[in-house]
């Protein structure tokens, strides 16, 4: 027990009197390793083993502090020999983790680019198919200004990856979520069946267009969101941005708009959607044409 307290005193003295930039770097590396270990094993069977290992370590130090010699010897024997047992037990997980570490440095940027292109393709295919079938759709892409007030007050939470089949199913007529707007935040479909405020500027939109277009323009008048709209009557695809409506988008035009959001290095969508969640309150509107 005396040796333990000497180790504690030495440790505290070193922390107070001998910190250098090397020490801080050492701590940062260990903290990063622990963080990656926790995130990699979360929701797996390994996390339970790590919890058990942490309990044994704490019990080992506690037994030494109290003076339970036999218990301390047993626990330390388990710790000393347990490393080999853990390596054998979690050999598949360790191999997978090492493979991920080897791929991370080279594939992070390309993976992000591939995912962005996948999202562009999924949304483009969805809107083109809805357009051919003349199924109305209203998709709002959140950017710097948060839309949390809209999703919480009127929407149905989805929280899903972006996929064409899911979006098409949401807007399918006579389904529970088709009547309203879909909110997309970054790479996730956040909410569906959201009610938006109609535009207050009658000159900003033709009288021939219904409430779906008016709701799409309305949300862009008070936020910096970008909205894609499919007309139920004509199948025409439109974009609302900054309170203005651009109509008759084709496949090339759609891809251009989406790539501006998902591919530009300094795109506001990627910079702010996970950090700023502000928004203005919206009223009620029926988005049927």
C-alpha atoms as a PDB file:
ATOM      1  CA  UNK A   1       0.000   0.000   0.000  1.00  0.00           C
ATOM      2  CA  UNK A   2       2.928   2.328   0.707  1.00  0.00           C
ATOM      3  CA  UNK A   3       4.224   1.653  -2.794  1.00  0.00           C
ATOM      4  CA  UNK A   4       0.862   2.578  -4.259  1.00  0.00           C
ATOM      5  CA  UNK A   5       0.810   5.957  -2.518  1.00  0.00           C
ATOM      6  CA  UNK A   6       4.376   6.609  -3.629  1.00  0.00           C
ATOM      7  CA  UNK A   7       3.319   5.959  -7.217  1.00  0.00           C
ATOM      8  CA  UNK A   8       0.357   8.330  -6.814  1.00  0.00           C
ATOM      9  CA  UNK A   9       2.585  11.064  -5.361  1.00  0.00           C
ATOM     10  CA  UNK A  10       5.141  10.621  -8.131  1.00  0.00           C
ATOM     11  CA  UNK A  11       2.398  10.782 -10.734  1.00  0.00           C
ATOM     12  CA  UNK A  12       0.918  13.981  -9.277  1.00  0.00           C
ATOM     13  CA  UNK A  13       4.359  15.580  -8.950  1.00  0.00           C
ATOM     14  CA  UNK A  14       5.116  14.843 -12.595  1.00  0.00           C
ATOM     15  CA  UNK A  15       1.778  16.331 -13.675  1.00  0.00           C
ATOM     16  CA  UNK A  16       2.414  19.555 -11.763  1.00  0.00           C
ATOM     17  CA  UNK A  17       6.148  20.074 -12.323  1.00  0.00           C
ATOM     18  CA  UNK A  18       7.136  18.315 -15.530  1.00  0.00           C
ATOM     19  CA  UNK A  19       4.542  18.867 -18.265  1.00  0.00           C
ATOM     20  CA  UNK A  20       5.999  19.500 -21.713  1.00  0.00           C
ATOM     21  CA  UNK A  21       4.489  19.635 -25.174  1.00  0.00           C
ATOM     22  CA  UNK A  22       5.481  15.997 -25.568  1.00  0.00           C
ATOM     23  CA  UNK A  23       3.324  15.129 -22.556  1.00  0.00           C
ATOM     24  CA  UNK A  24       0.343  16.987 -23.964  1.00  0.00           C
ATOM     25  CA  UNK A  25       0.840  15.249 -27.296  1.00  0.00           C
ATOM     26  CA  UNK A  26       1.015  11.907 -25.517  1.00  0.00           C
ATOM     27  CA  UNK A  27      -2.234  12.625 -23.651  1.00  0.00           C
ATOM     28  CA  UNK A  28      -3.947  13.776 -26.831  1.00  0.00           C
ATOM     29  CA  UNK A  29      -2.962  10.596 -28.676  1.00  0.00           C
ATOM     30  CA  UNK A  30      -4.192   8.362 -25.847  1.00  0.00           C
ATOM     31  CA  UNK A  31      -7.448  10.341 -25.638  1.00  0.00           C
ATOM     32  CA  UNK A  32      -7.962   9.944 -29.378  1.00  0.00           C
ATOM     33  CA  UNK A  33      -7.299   6.203 -29.192  1.00  0.00           C
ATOM     34  CA  UNK A  34      -9.790   5.810 -26.351  1.00  0.00           C
ATOM     35  CA  UNK A  35     -12.362   7.874 -28.239  1.00  0.00           C
ATOM     36  CA  UNK A  36     -11.960   5.797 -31.396  1.00  0.00           C
ATOM     37  CA  UNK A  37     -12.119   2.607 -29.351  1.00  0.00           C
ATOM     38  CA  UNK A  38     -15.382   3.665 -27.718  1.00  0.00           C
ATOM     39  CA  UNK A  39     -17.005   4.826 -30.974  1.00  0.00           C
ATOM     40  CA  UNK A  40     -15.886   1.714 -32.841  1.00  0.00           C
ATOM     41  CA  UNK A  41     -17.217  -0.710 -30.237  1.00  0.00           C
ATOM     42  CA  UNK A  42     -20.438   1.122 -29.434  1.00  0.00           C
ATOM     43  CA  UNK A  43     -23.533  -1.062 -29.869  1.00  0.00           C
ATOM     44  CA  UNK A  44     -21.390  -4.192 -30.269  1.00  0.00           C
ATOM     45  CA  UNK A  45     -20.622  -7.082 -27.945  1.00  0.00           C
ATOM     46  CA  UNK A  46     -17.128  -5.664 -27.409  1.00  0.00           C
ATOM     47  CA  UNK A  47     -18.460  -2.719 -25.413  1.00  0.00           C
ATOM     48  CA  UNK A  48     -19.730  -5.074 -22.696  1.00  0.00           C
ATOM     49  CA  UNK A  49     -16.302  -6.682 -22.421  1.00  0.00           C
ATOM     50  CA  UNK A  50     -14.660  -3.257 -22.176  1.00  0.00           C
ATOM     51  CA  UNK A  51     -17.030  -2.329 -19.366  1.00  0.00           C
ATOM     52  CA  UNK A  52     -16.118  -5.527 -17.545  1.00  0.00           C
ATOM     53  CA  UNK A  53     -12.425  -4.833 -18.086  1.00  0.00           C
ATOM     54  CA  UNK A  54     -12.819  -1.318 -16.679  1.00  0.00           C
ATOM     55  CA  UNK A  55     -14.535  -2.724 -13.585  1.00  0.00           C
ATOM     56  CA  UNK A  56     -11.688  -5.210 -13.034  1.00  0.00           C
ATOM     57  CA  UNK A  57      -9.086  -2.427 -13.346  1.00  0.00           C
ATOM     58  CA  UNK A  58     -10.906  -0.245 -10.814  1.00  0.00           C
ATOM     59  CA  UNK A  59     -11.370  -3.203  -8.476  1.00  0.00           C
ATOM     60  CA  UNK A  60      -7.689  -4.058  -8.777  1.00  0.00           C
ATOM     61  CA  UNK A  61      -6.545  -0.591  -7.693  1.00  0.00           C
ATOM     62  CA  UNK A  62      -9.193  -0.492  -4.967  1.00  0.00           C
ATOM     63  CA  UNK A  63      -8.088  -3.864  -3.569  1.00  0.00           C
ATOM     64  CA  UNK A  64      -4.461  -2.691  -3.487  1.00  0.00           C
ATOM     65  CA  UNK A  65      -5.503   0.518  -1.767  1.00  0.00           C
ATOM     66  CA  UNK A  66      -7.520  -1.322   0.889  1.00  0.00           C
ATOM     67  CA  UNK A  67      -4.921  -4.055   1.336  1.00  0.00           C
ATOM     68  CA  UNK A  68      -6.786  -7.085  -0.016  1.00  0.00           C
ATOM     69  CA  UNK A  69      -3.663  -8.882  -1.131  1.00  0.00           C
ATOM     70  CA  UNK A  70      -5.183 -12.123  -2.391  1.00  0.00           C
ATOM     71  CA  UNK A  71      -7.970 -10.403  -4.320  1.00  0.00           C
ATOM     72  CA  UNK A  72      -5.472  -7.965  -5.809  1.00  0.00           C
ATOM     73  CA  UNK A  73      -3.248 -10.849  -6.941  1.00  0.00           C
ATOM     74  CA  UNK A  74      -6.200 -12.612  -8.605  1.00  0.00           C
ATOM     75  CA  UNK A  75      -7.363  -9.453 -10.388  1.00  0.00           C
ATOM     76  CA  UNK A  76      -3.877  -8.563 -11.600  1.00  0.00           C
ATOM     77  CA  UNK A  77      -3.414 -12.121 -12.884  1.00  0.00           C
ATOM     78  CA  UNK A  78      -6.637 -11.757 -14.831  1.00  0.00           C
ATOM     79  CA  UNK A  79      -5.461  -8.451 -16.287  1.00  0.00           C
ATOM     80  CA  UNK A  80      -2.012  -9.750 -17.191  1.00  0.00           C
ATOM     81  CA  UNK A  81      -3.334 -12.852 -18.945  1.00  0.00           C
ATOM     82  CA  UNK A  82      -6.566 -11.307 -20.173  1.00  0.00           C
ATOM     83  CA  UNK A  83      -4.916  -9.321 -22.938  1.00  0.00           C
ATOM     84  CA  UNK A  84      -4.074 -12.474 -24.888  1.00  0.00           C
ATOM     85  CA  UNK A  85      -7.572 -13.864 -24.289  1.00  0.00           C
ATOM     86  CA  UNK A  86      -9.151 -10.640 -25.553  1.00  0.00           C
ATOM     87  CA  UNK A  87      -7.004 -10.682 -28.691  1.00  0.00           C
ATOM     88  CA  UNK A  88      -8.142 -14.219 -29.442  1.00  0.00           C
ATOM     89  CA  UNK A  89     -11.773 -13.519 -28.597  1.00  0.00           C
ATOM     90  CA  UNK A  90     -12.024 -10.331 -30.663  1.00  0.00           C
ATOM     91  CA  UNK A  91      -9.705 -11.280 -33.484  1.00  0.00           C
ATOM     92  CA  UNK A  92     -12.335 -10.507 -36.204  1.00  0.00           C
ATOM     93  CA  UNK A  93     -13.121  -7.102 -34.689  1.00  0.00           C
ATOM     94  CA  UNK A  94      -9.438  -6.218 -34.337  1.00  0.00           C
ATOM     95  CA  UNK A  95      -8.753  -7.159 -37.946  1.00  0.00           C
ATOM     96  CA  UNK A  96     -11.695  -5.058 -39.110  1.00  0.00           C
ATOM     97  CA  UNK A  97     -10.533  -2.090 -37.027  1.00  0.00           C
ATOM     98  CA  UNK A  98      -7.000  -2.288 -38.430  1.00  0.00           C
ATOM     99  CA  UNK A  99      -8.380  -2.459 -41.966  1.00  0.00           C
ATOM    100  CA  UNK A 100     -10.491   0.643 -41.311  1.00  0.00           C
ATOM    101  CA  UNK A 101      -7.463   2.515 -39.969  1.00  0.00           C
ATOM    102  CA  UNK A 102      -5.519   1.618 -43.087  1.00  0.00           C
ATOM    103  CA  UNK A 103      -8.309   2.774 -45.390  1.00  0.00           C
ATOM    104  CA  UNK A 104      -9.320   5.933 -43.548  1.00  0.00           C
ATOM    105  CA  UNK A 105      -6.430   8.157 -44.599  1.00  0.00           C
ATOM    106  CA  UNK A 106      -6.832   7.417 -48.296  1.00  0.00           C
ATOM    107  CA  UNK A 107     -10.556   6.985 -48.700  1.00  0.00           C
ATOM    108  CA  UNK A 108     -12.201   9.631 -46.484  1.00  0.00           C
ATOM    109  CA  UNK A 109     -12.279  12.254 -49.219  1.00  0.00           C
ATOM    110  CA  UNK A 110     -13.267   9.868 -52.000  1.00  0.00           C
ATOM    111  CA  UNK A 111     -15.925   8.253 -49.789  1.00  0.00           C
ATOM    112  CA  UNK A 112     -17.480  11.621 -49.076  1.00  0.00           C
ATOM    113  CA  UNK A 113     -17.460  12.418 -52.787  1.00  0.00           C
ATOM    114  CA  UNK A 114     -19.027   9.047 -53.624  1.00  0.00           C
ATOM    115  CA  UNK A 115     -21.748   9.563 -51.021  1.00  0.00           C
ATOM    116  CA  UNK A 116     -22.489  13.053 -52.351  1.00  0.00           C
ATOM    117  CA  UNK A 117     -22.794  11.719 -55.883  1.00  0.00           C
ATOM    118  CA  UNK A 118     -25.057   8.921 -54.667  1.00  0.00           C
ATOM    119  CA  UNK A 119     -27.360  11.446 -53.014  1.00  0.00           C
ATOM    120  CA  UNK A 120     -27.460  13.565 -56.175  1.00  0.00           C
ATOM    121  CA  UNK A 121     -28.395  10.494 -58.235  1.00  0.00           C
ATOM    122  CA  UNK A 122     -31.053   9.320 -55.778  1.00  0.00           C
ATOM    123  CA  UNK A 123     -32.838  12.669 -55.583  1.00  0.00           C
ATOM    124  CA  UNK A 124     -32.591  13.251 -59.341  1.00  0.00           C
ATOM    125  CA  UNK A 125     -34.013   9.825 -60.152  1.00  0.00           C
ATOM    126  CA  UNK A 126     -36.804  10.284 -57.633  1.00  0.00           C
ATOM    127  CA  UNK A 127     -37.923  13.682 -58.947  1.00  0.00           C
ATOM    128  CA  UNK A 128     -37.734  12.613 -62.590  1.00  0.00           C
ATOM    129  CA  UNK A 129     -39.880   9.549 -61.907  1.00  0.00           C
ATOM    130  CA  UNK A 130     -42.390  11.593 -59.921  1.00  0.00           C
ATOM    131  CA  UNK A 131     -42.450  14.140 -62.727  1.00  0.00           C
ATOM    132  CA  UNK A 132     -43.234  11.488 -65.347  1.00  0.00           C
ATOM    133  CA  UNK A 133     -46.058  10.143 -63.186  1.00  0.00           C
ATOM    134  CA  UNK A 134     -47.246  13.675 -62.281  1.00  0.00           C
ATOM    135  CA  UNK A 135     -47.004  13.028 -58.569  1.00  0.00           C
ATOM    136  CA  UNK A 136     -46.629  16.217 -56.546  1.00  0.00           C
ATOM    137  CA  UNK A 137     -43.550  16.620 -54.364  1.00  0.00           C
ATOM    138  CA  UNK A 138     -42.012  19.294 -52.145  1.00  0.00           C
ATOM    139  CA  UNK A 139     -38.454  18.811 -50.832  1.00  0.00           C
ATOM    140  CA  UNK A 140     -36.778  21.437 -48.635  1.00  0.00           C
ATOM    141  CA  UNK A 141     -32.980  21.387 -48.208  1.00  0.00           C
ATOM    142  CA  UNK A 142     -31.994  23.013 -44.929  1.00  0.00           C
ATOM    143  CA  UNK A 143     -28.889  25.183 -45.061  1.00  0.00           C
ATOM    144  CA  UNK A 144     -27.539  27.845 -42.707  1.00  0.00           C
ATOM    145  CA  UNK A 145     -30.917  28.752 -41.228  1.00  0.00           C
ATOM    146  CA  UNK A 146     -32.258  25.870 -39.177  1.00  0.00           C
ATOM    147  CA  UNK A 147     -35.745  24.497 -39.773  1.00  0.00           C
ATOM    148  CA  UNK A 148     -36.107  22.733 -36.447  1.00  0.00           C
ATOM    149  CA  UNK A 149     -39.208  24.728 -35.534  1.00  0.00           C
ATOM    150  CA  UNK A 150     -40.966  23.444 -38.658  1.00  0.00           C
ATOM    151  CA  UNK A 151     -39.973  19.805 -38.159  1.00  0.00           C
ATOM    152  CA  UNK A 152     -40.960  19.834 -34.493  1.00  0.00           C
ATOM    153  CA  UNK A 153     -44.248  21.704 -34.857  1.00  0.00           C
ATOM    154  CA  UNK A 154     -45.766  19.990 -37.880  1.00  0.00           C
ATOM    155  CA  UNK A 155     -43.612  17.179 -39.258  1.00  0.00           C
ATOM    156  CA  UNK A 156     -43.282  13.450 -38.731  1.00  0.00           C
ATOM    157  CA  UNK A 157     -39.745  12.440 -37.805  1.00  0.00           C
ATOM    158  CA  UNK A 158     -38.013  10.181 -40.340  1.00  0.00           C
ATOM    159  CA  UNK A 159     -34.247  10.399 -39.667  1.00  0.00           C
ATOM    160  CA  UNK A 160     -33.185   8.209 -42.575  1.00  0.00           C
ATOM    161  CA  UNK A 161     -30.551   8.111 -45.269  1.00  0.00           C
ATOM    162  CA  UNK A 162     -31.582   9.643 -48.584  1.00  0.00           C
ATOM    163  CA  UNK A 163     -32.925   7.130 -51.076  1.00  0.00           C
ATOM    164  CA  UNK A 164     -35.135   7.441 -54.145  1.00  0.00           C
ATOM    165  CA  UNK A 165     -37.536   4.604 -53.192  1.00  0.00           C
ATOM    166  CA  UNK A 166     -38.162   6.117 -49.762  1.00  0.00           C
ATOM    167  CA  UNK A 167     -38.817   9.602 -51.140  1.00  0.00           C
ATOM    168  CA  UNK A 168     -41.131   8.221 -53.821  1.00  0.00           C
ATOM    169  CA  UNK A 169     -43.046   6.245 -51.228  1.00  0.00           C
ATOM    170  CA  UNK A 170     -43.434   9.324 -49.021  1.00  0.00           C
ATOM    171  CA  UNK A 171     -45.007  11.351 -51.852  1.00  0.00           C
ATOM    172  CA  UNK A 172     -47.163   8.498 -53.139  1.00  0.00           C
ATOM    173  CA  UNK A 173     -50.793   9.725 -53.218  1.00  0.00           C
ATOM    174  CA  UNK A 174     -53.190   8.511 -50.525  1.00  0.00           C
ATOM    175  CA  UNK A 175     -50.384   7.629 -48.113  1.00  0.00           C
ATOM    176  CA  UNK A 176     -50.134   9.144 -44.612  1.00  0.00           C
ATOM    177  CA  UNK A 177     -47.088  11.362 -45.323  1.00  0.00           C
ATOM    178  CA  UNK A 178     -47.654  12.495 -48.917  1.00  0.00           C
ATOM    179  CA  UNK A 179     -49.431  15.743 -47.967  1.00  0.00           C
ATOM    180  CA  UNK A 180     -46.636  18.087 -46.942  1.00  0.00           C
ATOM    181  CA  UNK A 181     -42.949  18.855 -47.360  1.00  0.00           C
ATOM    182  CA  UNK A 182     -39.911  16.661 -46.763  1.00  0.00           C
ATOM    183  CA  UNK A 183     -37.043  18.329 -44.880  1.00  0.00           C
ATOM    184  CA  UNK A 184     -33.511  17.193 -45.757  1.00  0.00           C
ATOM    185  CA  UNK A 185     -30.591  18.162 -43.527  1.00  0.00           C
ATOM    186  CA  UNK A 186     -27.218  17.263 -45.005  1.00  0.00           C
ATOM    187  CA  UNK A 187     -27.242  13.546 -45.794  1.00  0.00           C
ATOM    188  CA  UNK A 188     -30.403  12.704 -43.853  1.00  0.00           C
ATOM    189  CA  UNK A 189     -34.128  12.894 -44.439  1.00  0.00           C
ATOM    190  CA  UNK A 190     -35.148  14.558 -41.202  1.00  0.00           C
ATOM    191  CA  UNK A 191     -38.907  14.881 -41.412  1.00  0.00           C
ATOM    192  CA  UNK A 192     -41.914  14.466 -43.696  1.00  0.00           C
ATOM    193  CA  UNK A 193     -45.444  15.898 -43.913  1.00  0.00           C
ATOM    194  CA  UNK A 194     -44.187  19.295 -42.758  1.00  0.00           C
ATOM    195  CA  UNK A 195     -46.495  22.308 -43.113  1.00  0.00           C
ATOM    196  CA  UNK A 196     -44.896  25.448 -44.571  1.00  0.00           C
ATOM    197  CA  UNK A 197     -45.925  29.088 -44.627  1.00  0.00           C
ATOM    198  CA  UNK A 198     -47.314  30.324 -47.942  1.00  0.00           C
ATOM    199  CA  UNK A 199     -45.620  33.212 -49.736  1.00  0.00           C
ATOM    200  CA  UNK A 200     -47.061  36.652 -48.937  1.00  0.00           C
ATOM    201  CA  UNK A 201     -45.918  38.152 -52.255  1.00  0.00           C
ATOM    202  CA  UNK A 202     -48.529  37.308 -54.865  1.00  0.00           C
ATOM    203  CA  UNK A 203     -46.340  38.819 -57.585  1.00  0.00           C
ATOM    204  CA  UNK A 204     -43.574  36.313 -56.885  1.00  0.00           C
ATOM    205  CA  UNK A 205     -45.556  33.423 -58.291  1.00  0.00           C
ATOM    206  CA  UNK A 206     -48.003  32.847 -61.121  1.00  0.00           C
ATOM    207  CA  UNK A 207     -51.704  32.525 -60.333  1.00  0.00           C
ATOM    208  CA  UNK A 208     -51.701  29.264 -62.269  1.00  0.00           C
ATOM    209  CA  UNK A 209     -49.611  27.615 -59.578  1.00  0.00           C
ATOM    210  CA  UNK A 210     -51.091  26.100 -56.446  1.00  0.00           C
ATOM    211  CA  UNK A 211     -50.256  26.087 -52.766  1.00  0.00           C
ATOM    212  CA  UNK A 212     -47.384  23.601 -53.139  1.00  0.00           C
ATOM    213  CA  UNK A 213     -45.370  26.174 -55.102  1.00  0.00           C
ATOM    214  CA  UNK A 214     -46.514  28.995 -52.829  1.00  0.00           C
ATOM    215  CA  UNK A 215     -45.366  27.057 -49.766  1.00  0.00           C
ATOM    216  CA  UNK A 216     -42.028  26.298 -51.415  1.00  0.00           C
ATOM    217  CA  UNK A 217     -41.427  29.942 -52.244  1.00  0.00           C
ATOM    218  CA  UNK A 218     -42.680  31.016 -48.824  1.00  0.00           C
ATOM    219  CA  UNK A 219     -40.067  29.082 -46.852  1.00  0.00           C
ATOM    220  CA  UNK A 220     -37.274  30.546 -49.011  1.00  0.00           C
ATOM    221  CA  UNK A 221     -38.461  34.088 -48.263  1.00  0.00           C
ATOM    222  CA  UNK A 222     -37.671  33.740 -44.564  1.00  0.00           C
ATOM    223  CA  UNK A 223     -34.768  31.251 -44.711  1.00  0.00           C
ATOM    224  CA  UNK A 224     -31.886  30.390 -47.031  1.00  0.00           C
ATOM    225  CA  UNK A 225     -33.349  26.951 -47.772  1.00  0.00           C
ATOM    226  CA  UNK A 226     -33.406  25.542 -51.283  1.00  0.00           C
ATOM    227  CA  UNK A 227     -36.657  23.892 -52.355  1.00  0.00           C
ATOM    228  CA  UNK A 228     -37.375  21.479 -55.208  1.00  0.00           C
ATOM    229  CA  UNK A 229     -40.990  21.144 -56.318  1.00  0.00           C
ATOM    230  CA  UNK A 230     -42.788  18.743 -58.660  1.00  0.00           C
ATOM    231  CA  UNK A 231     -46.131  19.962 -60.008  1.00  0.00           C
ATOM    232  CA  UNK A 232     -48.978  17.518 -59.590  1.00  0.00           C
ATOM    233  CA  UNK A 233     -50.879  18.977 -62.566  1.00  0.00           C
ATOM    234  CA  UNK A 234     -48.102  19.312 -65.150  1.00  0.00           C
ATOM    235  CA  UNK A 235     -45.160  17.298 -63.783  1.00  0.00           C
ATOM    236  CA  UNK A 236     -42.901  20.359 -64.178  1.00  0.00           C
ATOM    237  CA  UNK A 237     -39.926  20.442 -61.791  1.00  0.00           C
ATOM    238  CA  UNK A 238     -39.172  23.825 -60.198  1.00  0.00           C
ATOM    239  CA  UNK A 239     -36.655  25.272 -57.748  1.00  0.00           C
ATOM    240  CA  UNK A 240     -37.380  27.957 -55.152  1.00  0.00           C
ATOM    241  CA  UNK A 241     -34.489  29.954 -53.752  1.00  0.00           C
ATOM    242  CA  UNK A 242     -34.327  33.381 -52.145  1.00  0.00           C
ATOM    243  CA  UNK A 243     -38.044  33.927 -52.694  1.00  0.00           C
ATOM    244  CA  UNK A 244     -37.762  33.319 -56.450  1.00  0.00           C
ATOM    245  CA  UNK A 245     -39.051  30.413 -58.491  1.00  0.00           C
ATOM    246  CA  UNK A 246     -37.166  28.769 -61.367  1.00  0.00           C
ATOM    247  CA  UNK A 247     -39.304  26.424 -63.453  1.00  0.00           C
ATOM    248  CA  UNK A 248     -38.824  23.683 -66.041  1.00  0.00           C
ATOM    249  CA  UNK A 249     -35.707  22.042 -64.603  1.00  0.00           C
ATOM    250  CA  UNK A 250     -34.523  19.016 -66.561  1.00  0.00           C
ATOM    251  CA  UNK A 251     -32.182  16.243 -65.412  1.00  0.00           C
ATOM    252  CA  UNK A 252     -29.087  18.344 -66.113  1.00  0.00           C
ATOM    253  CA  UNK A 253     -30.510  21.327 -64.265  1.00  0.00           C
ATOM    254  CA  UNK A 254     -31.426  19.178 -61.282  1.00  0.00           C
ATOM    255  CA  UNK A 255     -27.962  17.688 -61.057  1.00  0.00           C
ATOM    256  CA  UNK A 256     -26.395  21.141 -61.286  1.00  0.00           C
ATOM    257  CA  UNK A 257     -28.487  22.447 -58.379  1.00  0.00           C
ATOM    258  CA  UNK A 258     -27.836  19.375 -56.227  1.00  0.00           C
ATOM    259  CA  UNK A 259     -24.118  19.299 -56.961  1.00  0.00           C
ATOM    260  CA  UNK A 260     -23.813  22.924 -55.908  1.00  0.00           C
ATOM    261  CA  UNK A 261     -25.187  21.861 -52.538  1.00  0.00           C
ATOM    262  CA  UNK A 262     -23.384  18.543 -52.113  1.00  0.00           C
ATOM    263  CA  UNK A 263     -20.049  18.952 -53.890  1.00  0.00           C
ATOM    264  CA  UNK A 264     -18.702  22.473 -53.332  1.00  0.00           C
ATOM    265  CA  UNK A 265     -15.931  22.492 -50.761  1.00  0.00           C
ATOM    266  CA  UNK A 266     -17.317  25.541 -48.978  1.00  0.00           C
ATOM    267  CA  UNK A 267     -20.986  24.756 -49.538  1.00  0.00           C
ATOM    268  CA  UNK A 268     -23.100  26.383 -46.856  1.00  0.00           C
ATOM    269  CA  UNK A 269     -25.150  23.225 -46.569  1.00  0.00           C
ATOM    270  CA  UNK A 270     -22.197  21.192 -45.301  1.00  0.00           C
ATOM    271  CA  UNK A 271     -20.695  23.947 -43.177  1.00  0.00           C
ATOM    272  CA  UNK A 272     -23.705  24.896 -41.146  1.00  0.00           C
ATOM    273  CA  UNK A 273     -26.428  22.245 -41.126  1.00  0.00           C
ATOM    274  CA  UNK A 274     -24.950  20.357 -38.158  1.00  0.00           C
ATOM    275  CA  UNK A 275     -24.001  23.461 -36.174  1.00  0.00           C
ATOM    276  CA  UNK A 276     -26.780  26.010 -36.567  1.00  0.00           C
ATOM    277  CA  UNK A 277     -30.327  25.026 -35.773  1.00  0.00           C
ATOM    278  CA  UNK A 278     -32.070  28.386 -35.790  1.00  0.00           C
ATOM    279  CA  UNK A 279     -35.238  29.145 -37.706  1.00  0.00           C
ATOM    280  CA  UNK A 280     -38.273  31.318 -37.818  1.00  0.00           C
ATOM    281  CA  UNK A 281     -41.699  30.076 -36.839  1.00  0.00           C
ATOM    282  CA  UNK A 282     -43.903  28.898 -39.663  1.00  0.00           C
ATOM    283  CA  UNK A 283     -47.653  28.965 -39.958  1.00  0.00           C
ATOM    284  CA  UNK A 284     -50.025  26.407 -41.365  1.00  0.00           C
ATOM    285  CA  UNK A 285     -50.525  25.691 -45.017  1.00  0.00           C
ATOM    286  CA  UNK A 286     -51.985  22.987 -47.188  1.00  0.00           C
ATOM    287  CA  UNK A 287     -49.525  22.136 -49.940  1.00  0.00           C
ATOM    288  CA  UNK A 288     -52.000  20.472 -52.276  1.00  0.00           C
ATOM    289  CA  UNK A 289     -52.322  22.098 -55.710  1.00  0.00           C
END
